[in-house]
C-alpha atoms as a PDB file:
ATOM      1  CA  MET A   1     122.525  54.753  96.675  1.00  0.00           C
ATOM      2  CA  PRO A   2     122.576  52.551  94.004  1.00  0.00           C
ATOM      3  CA  LEU A   3     119.583  51.131  92.247  1.00  0.00           C
ATOM      4  CA  PHE A   4     119.613  47.485  93.165  1.00  0.00           C
ATOM      5  CA  GLN A   5     117.632  45.108  91.014  1.00  0.00           C
ATOM      6  CA  ILE A   6     115.431  42.399  93.060  1.00  0.00           C
ATOM      7  CA  ASP A   7     115.526  38.597  92.305  1.00  0.00           C
ATOM      8  CA  ASN A   8     113.939  37.375  95.452  1.00  0.00           C
ATOM      9  CA  TYR A   9     112.636  37.940  98.745  1.00  0.00           C
ATOM     10  CA  LYS A  10     111.511  36.479 102.135  1.00  0.00           C
ATOM     11  CA  ILE A  11     108.499  37.606 104.102  1.00  0.00           C
ATOM     12  CA  ILE A  12     108.213  37.423 107.863  1.00  0.00           C
ATOM     13  CA  TYR A  13     104.469  38.380 109.089  1.00  0.00           C
ATOM     14  CA  TYR A  14     105.022  38.633 112.927  1.00  0.00           C
ATOM     15  CA  SER A  15     102.313  37.612 115.688  1.00  0.00           C
ATOM     16  CA  PRO A  16     101.182  40.520 118.292  1.00  0.00           C
ATOM     17  CA  CYS A  17     103.733  40.292 121.234  1.00  0.00           C
ATOM     18  CA  HIS A  18     104.709  42.409 124.109  1.00  0.00           C
ATOM     19  CA  ASP A  19     108.483  43.156 123.555  1.00  0.00           C
ATOM     20  CA  GLU A  20     108.603  46.913 123.400  1.00  0.00           C
ATOM     21  CA  ASN A  21     111.225  46.677 120.650  1.00  0.00           C
ATOM     22  CA  TYR A  22     108.805  45.219 118.191  1.00  0.00           C
ATOM     23  CA  LEU A  23     105.385  46.155 119.249  1.00  0.00           C
ATOM     24  CA  SER A  24     104.812  48.619 116.152  1.00  0.00           C
ATOM     25  CA  THR A  25     106.260  45.846 113.326  1.00  0.00           C
ATOM     26  CA  ALA A  26     103.703  43.903 112.093  1.00  0.00           C
ATOM     27  CA  ALA A  27     105.708  42.256 109.019  1.00  0.00           C
ATOM     28  CA  ARG A  28     108.854  42.580 107.269  1.00  0.00           C
ATOM     29  CA  ILE A  29     110.024  41.402 103.801  1.00  0.00           C
ATOM     30  CA  THR A  30     113.681  41.028 102.659  1.00  0.00           C
ATOM     31  CA  LEU A  31     114.849  41.909  99.298  1.00  0.00           C
ATOM     32  CA  TYR A  32     117.640  39.650  97.497  1.00  0.00           C
ATOM     33  CA  ARG A  33     119.519  40.196  94.698  1.00  0.00           C
ATOM     34  CA  GLY A  34     120.565  36.199  94.138  1.00  0.00           C
ATOM     35  CA  GLN A  35     121.502  35.363  97.708  1.00  0.00           C
ATOM     36  CA  ALA A  36     122.785  38.727  98.941  1.00  0.00           C
ATOM     37  CA  PRO A  37     120.133  41.091 101.012  1.00  0.00           C
ATOM     38  CA  VAL A  38     119.738  44.491  99.779  1.00  0.00           C
ATOM     39  CA  GLY A  39     116.944  45.635 102.079  1.00  0.00           C
ATOM     40  CA  ASP A  40     114.179  45.428 104.114  1.00  0.00           C
ATOM     41  CA  LEU A  41     110.603  46.863 103.731  1.00  0.00           C
ATOM     42  CA  PHE A  42     109.165  46.962 107.577  1.00  0.00           C
ATOM     43  CA  PHE A  43     105.462  47.466 107.694  1.00  0.00           C
ATOM     44  CA  ILE A  44     104.403  49.432 110.673  1.00  0.00           C
ATOM     45  CA  LYS A  45     101.138  49.157 112.238  1.00  0.00           C
ATOM     46  CA  ASP A  46      98.966  51.823 110.814  1.00  0.00           C
ATOM     47  CA  GLU A  47      98.123  53.407 113.920  1.00  0.00           C
ATOM     48  CA  GLU A  48     101.855  53.744 114.874  1.00  0.00           C
ATOM     49  CA  PRO A  49     104.207  56.588 113.790  1.00  0.00           C
ATOM     50  CA  MET A  50     106.945  55.717 111.118  1.00  0.00           C
ATOM     51  CA  PRO A  51     110.619  55.425 112.488  1.00  0.00           C
ATOM     52  CA  PRO A  52     112.799  58.178 111.623  1.00  0.00           C
ATOM     53  CA  ARG A  53     114.885  57.669 108.540  1.00  0.00           C
ATOM     54  CA  ASN A  54     118.269  56.830 109.454  1.00  0.00           C
ATOM     55  CA  LEU A  55     120.492  56.774 106.041  1.00  0.00           C
ATOM     56  CA  PRO A  56     122.702  55.401 104.724  1.00  0.00           C
ATOM     57  CA  LEU A  57     121.979  51.927 105.395  1.00  0.00           C
ATOM     58  CA  SER A  58     123.120  48.651 103.744  1.00  0.00           C
ATOM     59  CA  PRO A  59     121.139  46.845 103.415  1.00  0.00           C
ATOM     60  CA  PHE A  60     118.362  49.496 103.483  1.00  0.00           C
ATOM     61  CA  ARG A  61     115.172  49.925 105.264  1.00  0.00           C
ATOM     62  CA  ILE A  62     112.305  51.310 104.074  1.00  0.00           C
ATOM     63  CA  TYR A  63     109.248  51.957 106.172  1.00  0.00           C
ATOM     64  CA  PHE A  64     105.661  51.358 105.300  1.00  0.00           C
ATOM     65  CA  PRO A  65     102.301  51.372 106.756  1.00  0.00           C
ATOM     66  CA  LEU A  66     100.589  47.940 107.347  1.00  0.00           C
ATOM     67  CA  SER A  67      97.756  49.080 104.947  1.00  0.00           C
ATOM     68  CA  HIS A  68     100.461  48.939 101.885  1.00  0.00           C
ATOM     69  CA  PHE A  69     101.341  45.338 102.511  1.00  0.00           C
ATOM     70  CA  ASP A  70      98.902  43.516 100.198  1.00  0.00           C
ATOM     71  CA  THR A  71     100.146  46.292  97.526  1.00  0.00           C
ATOM     72  CA  ILE A  72     103.641  45.670  97.789  1.00  0.00           C
ATOM     73  CA  MET A  73     103.130  42.195  97.721  1.00  0.00           C
ATOM     74  CA  SER A  74     101.188  42.491  94.305  1.00  0.00           C
ATOM     75  CA  ILE A  75     104.059  44.158  93.085  1.00  0.00           C
ATOM     76  CA  LEU A  76     106.390  41.642  94.362  1.00  0.00           C
ATOM     77  CA  ARG A  77     104.664  38.844  92.421  1.00  0.00           C
ATOM     78  CA  ASN A  78     103.554  40.557  89.413  1.00  0.00           C
ATOM     79  CA  GLU A  79     106.167  42.741  88.218  1.00  0.00           C
ATOM     80  CA  LYS A  80     109.622  42.173  86.660  1.00  0.00           C
ATOM     81  CA  PRO A  81     112.366  43.624  86.460  1.00  0.00           C
ATOM     82  CA  LEU A  82     111.737  44.928  89.829  1.00  0.00           C
ATOM     83  CA  TYR A  83     114.261  47.695  91.374  1.00  0.00           C
ATOM     84  CA  ALA A  84     114.634  49.109  94.807  1.00  0.00           C
ATOM     85  CA  ASN A  85     116.156  52.650  95.526  1.00  0.00           C
ATOM     86  CA  ILE A  86     116.335  55.102  98.182  1.00  0.00           C
ATOM     87  CA  THR A  87     117.823  58.516  97.270  1.00  0.00           C
ATOM     88  CA  SER A  88     120.490  60.355  99.411  1.00  0.00           C
ATOM     89  CA  THR A  89     117.544  62.735 100.403  1.00  0.00           C
ATOM     90  CA  GLY A  90     115.299  59.594 102.052  1.00  0.00           C
ATOM     91  CA  TYR A  91     112.901  59.064  99.434  1.00  0.00           C
ATOM     92  CA  ALA A  92     112.518  55.411  98.965  1.00  0.00           C
ATOM     93  CA  TYR A  93     110.690  53.369  96.187  1.00  0.00           C
ATOM     94  CA  ILE A  94     110.389  49.613  94.821  1.00  0.00           C
ATOM     95  CA  GLY A  95     109.072  49.537  91.141  1.00  0.00           C
ATOM     96  CA  THR A  96     109.907  48.961  87.355  1.00  0.00           C
ATOM     97  CA  THR A  97     112.386  51.026  85.490  1.00  0.00           C
ATOM     98  CA  GLN A  98     110.623  50.227  82.267  1.00  0.00           C
ATOM     99  CA  TYR A  99     107.478  51.147  80.104  1.00  0.00           C
ATOM    100  CA  GLU A 100     104.975  48.468  80.117  1.00  0.00           C
ATOM    101  CA  PRO A 101     101.878  48.164  77.871  1.00  0.00           C
ATOM    102  CA  VAL A 102      98.350  49.210  79.088  1.00  0.00           C
ATOM    103  CA  GLY A 103      96.344  46.026  79.667  1.00  0.00           C
ATOM    104  CA  GLU A 104      98.827  43.320  79.437  1.00  0.00           C
ATOM    105  CA  GLU A 105      97.186  41.361  82.213  1.00  0.00           C
ATOM    106  CA  GLU A 106     100.253  40.206  84.036  1.00  0.00           C
ATOM    107  CA  GLY A 107      99.635  36.748  86.000  1.00  0.00           C
ATOM    108  CA  VAL A 108      96.674  35.701  83.595  1.00  0.00           C
END
């Protein structure tokens, strides 16, 4: 799957519900390149098992435990340029592709 640059995002943070289809999903972040969605980050309640990988998907889906939400939000707010990828083996990541200087204090 190609590397996608991320320009924008939207957040949905779900309230607790009783619908069996959504019991384990606590939040979702949709990633965009311009106005086109390239993928979704799903945050699953920490006590729930991660869903199985079902590749290839476009837009892609990456699953994280809910305890990773603040870390991912920090990356989205503070890093640029930012990219997302899922490899053919299912390894998924978001991050930068360039070196950054130590102590640059982004956002300060």
